[in-house]
Amino acid sequence: MERIEFVFKALAHLAWSLLLEGILFMILGILVYLYPALIVILASVFFIFVGATLVMIGLKVKKYSKIKIDF
Protein backbone atom coordinates (compact mmCIF):
# COMPACT_ATOMS: atom_id res chain seq x y z
CA MET A 1 0.00 0.00 0.00
CA GLU A 2 2.92 2.31 0.71
CA ARG A 3 4.25 1.90 -2.82
CA ILE A 4 0.91 2.89 -4.34
CA GLU A 5 0.84 6.08 -2.25
CA PHE A 6 4.37 6.87 -3.40
CA VAL A 7 3.32 6.44 -7.04
CA PHE A 8 0.34 8.77 -6.56
CA LYS A 9 2.54 11.39 -4.89
CA ALA A 10 5.09 11.13 -7.69
CA LEU A 11 2.36 11.52 -10.32
CA ALA A 12 0.95 14.54 -8.50
CA HIS A 13 4.38 16.20 -8.48
CA LEU A 14 4.85 15.34 -12.15
CA ALA A 15 1.45 16.78 -13.05
CA TRP A 16 2.21 20.06 -11.28
CA SER A 17 5.62 20.23 -12.92
CA LEU A 18 4.13 19.71 -16.38
CA LEU A 19 1.41 22.28 -15.71
CA LEU A 20 3.90 24.91 -14.55
CA GLU A 21 6.23 24.23 -17.46
CA GLY A 22 3.33 24.52 -19.91
CA ILE A 23 2.27 27.87 -18.47
CA LEU A 24 5.87 29.08 -18.50
CA PHE A 25 6.30 28.06 -22.16
CA MET A 26 3.14 29.91 -23.15
CA ILE A 27 4.30 33.08 -21.39
CA LEU A 28 7.76 32.80 -22.96
CA GLY A 29 6.21 32.23 -26.38
CA ILE A 30 4.16 35.42 -26.05
CA LEU A 31 7.21 37.39 -24.90
CA VAL A 32 9.30 36.13 -27.83
CA TYR A 33 6.52 37.10 -30.22
CA LEU A 34 6.32 40.61 -28.76
CA TYR A 35 10.07 41.15 -28.21
CA PRO A 36 12.12 39.02 -30.63
CA ALA A 37 15.41 40.46 -29.32
CA LEU A 38 14.87 38.72 -25.98
CA ILE A 39 15.15 35.24 -27.48
CA VAL A 40 18.73 34.72 -26.25
CA ILE A 41 17.89 35.69 -22.68
CA LEU A 42 14.72 33.60 -22.65
CA ALA A 43 16.54 30.61 -24.12
CA SER A 44 19.19 30.80 -21.41
CA VAL A 45 16.52 31.00 -18.69
CA PHE A 46 14.82 27.98 -20.27
CA PHE A 47 18.03 25.96 -20.23
CA ILE A 48 18.72 26.87 -16.60
CA PHE A 49 15.16 25.93 -15.59
CA VAL A 50 15.22 22.60 -17.44
CA GLY A 51 18.68 21.80 -16.08
CA ALA A 52 17.57 22.49 -12.50
CA THR A 53 14.46 20.37 -13.02
CA LEU A 54 16.52 17.46 -14.32
CA VAL A 55 18.94 17.69 -11.40
CA MET A 56 16.02 17.61 -8.95
CA ILE A 57 14.50 14.59 -10.73
CA GLY A 58 17.87 12.83 -10.68
CA LEU A 59 18.26 13.42 -6.96
CA LYS A 60 14.73 12.13 -6.28
CA VAL A 61 15.42 8.99 -8.33
CA LYS A 62 18.67 8.46 -6.46
CA LYS A 63 16.92 8.90 -3.12
CA TYR A 64 14.06 6.46 -3.79
CA SER A 65 15.77 3.97 -6.09
CA LYS A 66 16.94 0.60 -4.83
CA ILE A 67 19.70 0.67 -7.41
CA LYS A 68 22.83 2.28 -6.06
CA ILE A 69 24.01 5.15 -8.23
CA ASP A 70 27.35 6.73 -7.42
CA PHE A 71 27.66 10.43 -8.13
PDB file of N, CA and C in Angstrom:
ATOM      1  N   MET A   1       0.818  -1.195   0.000  1.00  0.00           N
ATOM      2  CA  MET A   1       0.000   0.000   0.000  1.00  0.00           C
ATOM      3  C   MET A   1       0.865   1.263   0.000  1.00  0.00           C
ATOM      4  N   GLU A   2       2.021   1.172   0.646  1.00  0.00           N
ATOM      5  CA  GLU A   2       2.925   2.309   0.714  1.00  0.00           C
ATOM      6  C   GLU A   2       3.479   2.659  -0.666  1.00  0.00           C
ATOM      7  N   ARG A   3       3.717   1.661  -1.481  1.00  0.00           N
ATOM      8  CA  ARG A   3       4.252   1.904  -2.824  1.00  0.00           C
ATOM      9  C   ARG A   3       3.220   2.611  -3.698  1.00  0.00           C
ATOM     10  N   ILE A   4       1.954   2.254  -3.541  1.00  0.00           N
ATOM     11  CA  ILE A   4       0.909   2.887  -4.335  1.00  0.00           C
ATOM     12  C   ILE A   4       0.798   4.369  -3.966  1.00  0.00           C
ATOM     13  N   GLU A   5       0.888   4.681  -2.676  1.00  0.00           N
ATOM     14  CA  GLU A   5       0.840   6.078  -2.250  1.00  0.00           C
ATOM     15  C   GLU A   5       2.023   6.858  -2.812  1.00  0.00           C
ATOM     16  N   PHE A   6       3.189   6.217  -2.841  1.00  0.00           N
ATOM     17  CA  PHE A   6       4.371   6.874  -3.400  1.00  0.00           C
ATOM     18  C   PHE A   6       4.158   7.179  -4.881  1.00  0.00           C
ATOM     19  N   VAL A   7       3.570   6.238  -5.610  1.00  0.00           N
ATOM     20  CA  VAL A   7       3.319   6.443  -7.040  1.00  0.00           C
ATOM     21  C   VAL A   7       2.357   7.609  -7.235  1.00  0.00           C
ATOM     22  N   PHE A   8       1.294   7.670  -6.431  1.00  0.00           N
ATOM     23  CA  PHE A   8       0.339   8.766  -6.557  1.00  0.00           C
ATOM     24  C   PHE A   8       0.983  10.112  -6.228  1.00  0.00           C
ATOM     25  N   LYS A   9       1.845  10.149  -5.222  1.00  0.00           N
ATOM     26  CA  LYS A   9       2.541  11.390  -4.887  1.00  0.00           C
ATOM     27  C   LYS A   9       3.474  11.799  -6.024  1.00  0.00           C
ATOM     28  N   ALA A  10       4.176  10.830  -6.588  1.00  0.00           N
ATOM     29  CA  ALA A  10       5.090  11.129  -7.693  1.00  0.00           C
ATOM     30  C   ALA A  10       4.314  11.651  -8.898  1.00  0.00           C
ATOM     31  N   LEU A  11       3.171  11.053  -9.195  1.00  0.00           N
ATOM     32  CA  LEU A  11       2.357  11.517 -10.319  1.00  0.00           C
ATOM     33  C   LEU A  11       1.807  12.912 -10.069  1.00  0.00           C
ATOM     34  N   ALA A  12       1.441  13.207  -8.825  1.00  0.00           N
ATOM     35  CA  ALA A  12       0.951  14.544  -8.502  1.00  0.00           C
ATOM     36  C   ALA A  12       2.042  15.586  -8.708  1.00  0.00           C
ATOM     37  N   HIS A  13       3.269  15.279  -8.271  1.00  0.00           N
ATOM     38  CA  HIS A  13       4.383  16.204  -8.481  1.00  0.00           C
ATOM     39  C   HIS A  13       4.674  16.368  -9.970  1.00  0.00           C
ATOM     40  N   LEU A  14       4.606  15.278 -10.711  1.00  0.00           N
ATOM     41  CA  LEU A  14       4.854  15.342 -12.155  1.00  0.00           C
ATOM     42  C   LEU A  14       3.792  16.189 -12.846  1.00  0.00           C
ATOM     43  N   ALA A  15       2.532  16.008 -12.447  1.00  0.00           N
ATOM     44  CA  ALA A  15       1.445  16.775 -13.054  1.00  0.00           C
ATOM     45  C   ALA A  15       1.632  18.268 -12.802  1.00  0.00           C
ATOM     46  N   TRP A  16       1.984  18.649 -11.568  1.00  0.00           N
ATOM     47  CA  TRP A  16       2.210  20.063 -11.275  1.00  0.00           C
ATOM     48  C   TRP A  16       3.398  20.599 -12.056  1.00  0.00           C
ATOM     49  N   SER A  17       4.438  19.796 -12.173  1.00  0.00           N
ATOM     50  CA  SER A  17       5.617  20.228 -12.917  1.00  0.00           C
ATOM     51  C   SER A  17       5.268  20.471 -14.386  1.00  0.00           C
ATOM     52  N   LEU A  18       4.521  19.551 -14.976  1.00  0.00           N
ATOM     53  CA  LEU A  18       4.132  19.715 -16.375  1.00  0.00           C
ATOM     54  C   LEU A  18       3.220  20.920 -16.568  1.00  0.00           C
ATOM     55  N   LEU A  19       2.308  21.132 -15.629  1.00  0.00           N
ATOM     56  CA  LEU A  19       1.409  22.285 -15.712  1.00  0.00           C
ATOM     57  C   LEU A  19       2.190  23.594 -15.638  1.00  0.00           C
ATOM     58  N   LEU A  20       3.105  23.684 -14.692  1.00  0.00           N
ATOM     59  CA  LEU A  20       3.897  24.909 -14.552  1.00  0.00           C
ATOM     60  C   LEU A  20       4.793  25.145 -15.765  1.00  0.00           C
ATOM     61  N   GLU A  21       5.382  24.081 -16.278  1.00  0.00           N
ATOM     62  CA  GLU A  21       6.225  24.232 -17.464  1.00  0.00           C
ATOM     63  C   GLU A  21       5.391  24.663 -18.664  1.00  0.00           C
ATOM     64  N   GLY A  22       4.206  24.123 -18.807  1.00  0.00           N
ATOM     65  CA  GLY A  22       3.329  24.518 -19.908  1.00  0.00           C
ATOM     66  C   GLY A  22       2.952  25.986 -19.839  1.00  0.00           C
ATOM     67  N   ILE A  23       2.600  26.451 -18.649  1.00  0.00           N
ATOM     68  CA  ILE A  23       2.269  27.868 -18.470  1.00  0.00           C
ATOM     69  C   ILE A  23       3.483  28.744 -18.764  1.00  0.00           C
ATOM     70  N   LEU A  24       4.643  28.322 -18.262  1.00  0.00           N
ATOM     71  CA  LEU A  24       5.871  29.076 -18.505  1.00  0.00           C
ATOM     72  C   LEU A  24       6.181  29.158 -20.000  1.00  0.00           C
ATOM     73  N   PHE A  25       6.029  28.057 -20.722  1.00  0.00           N
ATOM     74  CA  PHE A  25       6.302  28.062 -22.159  1.00  0.00           C
ATOM     75  C   PHE A  25       5.345  28.980 -22.910  1.00  0.00           C
ATOM     76  N   MET A  26       4.085  29.014 -22.494  1.00  0.00           N
ATOM     77  CA  MET A  26       3.135  29.915 -23.153  1.00  0.00           C
ATOM     78  C   MET A  26       3.516  31.376 -22.920  1.00  0.00           C
ATOM     79  N   ILE A  27       3.887  31.707 -21.692  1.00  0.00           N
ATOM     80  CA  ILE A  27       4.305  33.083 -21.390  1.00  0.00           C
ATOM     81  C   ILE A  27       5.560  33.446 -22.181  1.00  0.00           C
ATOM     82  N   LEU A  28       6.528  32.530 -22.204  1.00  0.00           N
ATOM     83  CA  LEU A  28       7.760  32.801 -22.959  1.00  0.00           C
ATOM     84  C   LEU A  28       7.485  32.936 -24.450  1.00  0.00           C
ATOM     85  N   GLY A  29       6.568  32.125 -24.969  1.00  0.00           N
ATOM     86  CA  GLY A  29       6.210  32.233 -26.384  1.00  0.00           C
ATOM     87  C   GLY A  29       5.610  33.586 -26.716  1.00  0.00           C
ATOM     88  N   ILE A  30       4.757  34.097 -25.837  1.00  0.00           N
ATOM     89  CA  ILE A  30       4.163  35.417 -26.049  1.00  0.00           C
ATOM     90  C   ILE A  30       5.234  36.500 -25.987  1.00  0.00           C
ATOM     91  N   LEU A  31       6.135  36.391 -25.013  1.00  0.00           N
ATOM     92  CA  LEU A  31       7.209  37.387 -24.898  1.00  0.00           C
ATOM     93  C   LEU A  31       8.126  37.383 -26.120  1.00  0.00           C
ATOM     94  N   VAL A  32       8.437  36.211 -26.631  1.00  0.00           N
ATOM     95  CA  VAL A  32       9.297  36.133 -27.825  1.00  0.00           C
ATOM     96  C   VAL A  32       8.581  36.733 -29.030  1.00  0.00           C
ATOM     97  N   TYR A  33       7.287  36.515 -29.107  1.00  0.00           N
ATOM     98  CA  TYR A  33       6.520  37.100 -30.215  1.00  0.00           C
ATOM     99  C   TYR A  33       6.532  38.623 -30.136  1.00  0.00           C
ATOM    100  N   LEU A  34       6.370  39.161 -28.918  1.00  0.00           N
ATOM    101  CA  LEU A  34       6.322  40.606 -28.756  1.00  0.00           C
ATOM    102  C   LEU A  34       7.699  41.262 -28.811  1.00  0.00           C
ATOM    103  N   TYR A  35       8.715  40.593 -28.276  1.00  0.00           N
ATOM    104  CA  TYR A  35      10.074  41.148 -28.208  1.00  0.00           C
ATOM    105  C   TYR A  35      11.080  40.120 -28.745  1.00  0.00           C
ATOM    106  N   PRO A  36      11.222  40.046 -30.052  1.00  0.00           N
ATOM    107  CA  PRO A  36      12.121  39.025 -30.632  1.00  0.00           C
ATOM    108  C   PRO A  36      13.575  39.130 -30.179  1.00  0.00           C
ATOM    109  N   ALA A  37      14.018  40.297 -29.746  1.00  0.00           N
ATOM    110  CA  ALA A  37      15.413  40.461 -29.324  1.00  0.00           C
ATOM    111  C   ALA A  37      15.704  39.743 -28.008  1.00  0.00           C
ATOM    112  N   LEU A  38      14.674  39.378 -27.267  1.00  0.00           N
ATOM    113  CA  LEU A  38      14.873  38.717 -25.977  1.00  0.00           C
ATOM    114  C   LEU A  38      15.041  37.202 -26.094  1.00  0.00           C
ATOM    115  N   ILE A  39      15.109  36.694 -27.296  1.00  0.00           N
ATOM    116  CA  ILE A  39      15.152  35.236 -27.484  1.00  0.00           C
ATOM    117  C   ILE A  39      16.370  34.608 -26.818  1.00  0.00           C
ATOM    118  N   VAL A  40      17.505  35.273 -26.846  1.00  0.00           N
ATOM    119  CA  VAL A  40      18.727  34.719 -26.254  1.00  0.00           C
ATOM    120  C   VAL A  40      18.589  34.632 -24.734  1.00  0.00           C
ATOM    121  N   ILE A  41      18.079  35.683 -24.125  1.00  0.00           N
ATOM    122  CA  ILE A  41      17.892  35.686 -22.675  1.00  0.00           C
ATOM    123  C   ILE A  41      16.867  34.628 -22.268  1.00  0.00           C
ATOM    124  N   LEU A  42      15.767  34.570 -22.984  1.00  0.00           N
ATOM    125  CA  LEU A  42      14.725  33.599 -22.649  1.00  0.00           C
ATOM    126  C   LEU A  42      15.200  32.164 -22.858  1.00  0.00           C
ATOM    127  N   ALA A  43      16.008  31.947 -23.899  1.00  0.00           N
ATOM    128  CA  ALA A  43      16.541  30.606 -24.119  1.00  0.00           C
ATOM    129  C   ALA A  43      17.475  30.203 -22.984  1.00  0.00           C
ATOM    130  N   SER A  44      18.286  31.134 -22.513  1.00  0.00           N
ATOM    131  CA  SER A  44      19.192  30.796 -21.414  1.00  0.00           C
ATOM    132  C   SER A  44      18.427  30.518 -20.127  1.00  0.00           C
ATOM    133  N   VAL A  45      17.360  31.266 -19.868  1.00  0.00           N
ATOM    134  CA  VAL A  45      16.517  31.002 -18.692  1.00  0.00           C
ATOM    135  C   VAL A  45      15.867  29.629 -18.822  1.00  0.00           C
ATOM    136  N   PHE A  46      15.429  29.294 -20.016  1.00  0.00           N
ATOM    137  CA  PHE A  46      14.818  27.982 -20.265  1.00  0.00           C
ATOM    138  C   PHE A  46      15.817  26.866 -19.965  1.00  0.00           C
ATOM    139  N   PHE A  47      17.031  27.000 -20.451  1.00  0.00           N
ATOM    140  CA  PHE A  47      18.031  25.957 -20.231  1.00  0.00           C
ATOM    141  C   PHE A  47      18.373  25.817 -18.751  1.00  0.00           C
ATOM    142  N   ILE A  48      18.456  26.926 -18.043  1.00  0.00           N
ATOM    143  CA  ILE A  48      18.720  26.865 -16.601  1.00  0.00           C
ATOM    144  C   ILE A  48      17.575  26.175 -15.883  1.00  0.00           C
ATOM    145  N   PHE A  49      16.339  26.527 -16.230  1.00  0.00           N
ATOM    146  CA  PHE A  49      15.161  25.927 -15.591  1.00  0.00           C
ATOM    147  C   PHE A  49      15.089  24.424 -15.852  1.00  0.00           C
ATOM    148  N   VAL A  50      15.272  24.018 -17.105  1.00  0.00           N
ATOM    149  CA  VAL A  50      15.217  22.597 -17.441  1.00  0.00           C
ATOM    150  C   VAL A  50      16.365  21.848 -16.774  1.00  0.00           C
ATOM    151  N   GLY A  51      17.543  22.441 -16.737  1.00  0.00           N
ATOM    152  CA  GLY A  51      18.679  21.802 -16.076  1.00  0.00           C
ATOM    153  C   GLY A  51      18.422  21.600 -14.591  1.00  0.00           C
ATOM    154  N   ALA A  52      17.881  22.615 -13.924  1.00  0.00           N
ATOM    155  CA  ALA A  52      17.573  22.490 -12.499  1.00  0.00           C
ATOM    156  C   ALA A  52      16.500  21.429 -12.262  1.00  0.00           C
ATOM    157  N   THR A  53      15.511  21.375 -13.137  1.00  0.00           N
ATOM    158  CA  THR A  53      14.460  20.366 -13.017  1.00  0.00           C
ATOM    159  C   THR A  53      15.041  18.961 -13.164  1.00  0.00           C
ATOM    160  N   LEU A  54      15.915  18.776 -14.113  1.00  0.00           N
ATOM    161  CA  LEU A  54      16.518  17.461 -14.321  1.00  0.00           C
ATOM    162  C   LEU A  54      17.406  17.051 -13.154  1.00  0.00           C
ATOM    163  N   VAL A  55      18.122  18.002 -12.576  1.00  0.00           N
ATOM    164  CA  VAL A  55      18.943  17.693 -11.397  1.00  0.00           C
ATOM    165  C   VAL A  55      18.043  17.259 -10.243  1.00  0.00           C
ATOM    166  N   MET A  56      16.942  17.965 -10.030  1.00  0.00           N
ATOM    167  CA  MET A  56      16.022  17.606  -8.945  1.00  0.00           C
ATOM    168  C   MET A  56      15.421  16.217  -9.180  1.00  0.00           C
ATOM    169  N   ILE A  57      15.053  15.916 -10.414  1.00  0.00           N
ATOM    170  CA  ILE A  57      14.504  14.595 -10.731  1.00  0.00           C
ATOM    171  C   ILE A  57      15.556  13.524 -10.488  1.00  0.00           C
ATOM    172  N   GLY A  58      16.797  13.787 -10.900  1.00  0.00           N
ATOM    173  CA  GLY A  58      17.873  12.826 -10.680  1.00  0.00           C
ATOM    174  C   GLY A  58      18.113  12.553  -9.203  1.00  0.00           C
ATOM    175  N   LEU A  59      18.071  13.605  -8.394  1.00  0.00           N
ATOM    176  CA  LEU A  59      18.261  13.419  -6.957  1.00  0.00           C
ATOM    177  C   LEU A  59      17.106  12.641  -6.329  1.00  0.00           C
ATOM    178  N   LYS A  60      15.889  12.886  -6.797  1.00  0.00           N
ATOM    179  CA  LYS A  60      14.733  12.127  -6.284  1.00  0.00           C
ATOM    180  C   LYS A  60      14.858  10.654  -6.663  1.00  0.00           C
ATOM    181  N   VAL A  61      15.261  10.376  -7.896  1.00  0.00           N
ATOM    182  CA  VAL A  61      15.421   8.989  -8.332  1.00  0.00           C
ATOM    183  C   VAL A  61      16.498   8.312  -7.506  1.00  0.00           C
ATOM    184  N   LYS A  62      17.593   9.026  -7.261  1.00  0.00           N
ATOM    185  CA  LYS A  62      18.668   8.457  -6.459  1.00  0.00           C
ATOM    186  C   LYS A  62      18.192   8.163  -5.038  1.00  0.00           C
ATOM    187  N   LYS A  63      17.385   9.052  -4.494  1.00  0.00           N
ATOM    188  CA  LYS A  63      16.916   8.898  -3.121  1.00  0.00           C
ATOM    189  C   LYS A  63      15.979   7.700  -2.973  1.00  0.00           C
ATOM    190  N   TYR A  64      15.080   7.490  -3.917  1.00  0.00           N
ATOM    191  CA  TYR A  64      14.057   6.464  -3.787  1.00  0.00           C
ATOM    192  C   TYR A  64      14.363   5.174  -4.554  1.00  0.00           C
ATOM    193  N   SER A  65      15.442   5.147  -5.299  1.00  0.00           N
ATOM    194  CA  SER A  65      15.772   3.969  -6.091  1.00  0.00           C
ATOM    195  C   SER A  65      16.505   2.934  -5.235  1.00  0.00           C
ATOM    196  N   LYS A  66      16.224   1.666  -5.518  1.00  0.00           N
ATOM    197  CA  LYS A  66      16.941   0.605  -4.826  1.00  0.00           C
ATOM    198  C   LYS A  66      18.277   0.310  -5.509  1.00  0.00           C
ATOM    199  N   ILE A  67      18.447   0.826  -6.702  1.00  0.00           N
ATOM    200  CA  ILE A  67      19.696   0.669  -7.414  1.00  0.00           C
ATOM    201  C   ILE A  67      20.660   1.721  -6.918  1.00  0.00           C
ATOM    202  N   LYS A  68      21.831   1.344  -6.560  1.00  0.00           N
ATOM    203  CA  LYS A  68      22.829   2.284  -6.057  1.00  0.00           C
ATOM    204  C   LYS A  68      23.500   3.001  -7.219  1.00  0.00           C
ATOM    205  N   ILE A  69      23.404   4.324  -7.200  1.00  0.00           N
ATOM    206  CA  ILE A  69      24.011   5.149  -8.232  1.00  0.00           C
ATOM    207  C   ILE A  69      25.061   6.023  -7.557  1.00  0.00           C
ATOM    208  N   ASP A  70      26.284   5.930  -8.003  1.00  0.00           N
ATOM    209  CA  ASP A  70      27.353   6.733  -7.418  1.00  0.00           C
ATOM    210  C   ASP A  70      27.505   8.012  -8.201  1.00  0.00           C
ATOM    211  N   PHE A  71      27.445   9.124  -7.505  1.00  0.00           N
ATOM    212  CA  PHE A  71      27.660  10.432  -8.131  1.00  0.00           C
ATOM    213  C   PHE A  71      29.025  10.922  -7.756  1.00  0.00           C
TER     214      PHE A  71
END
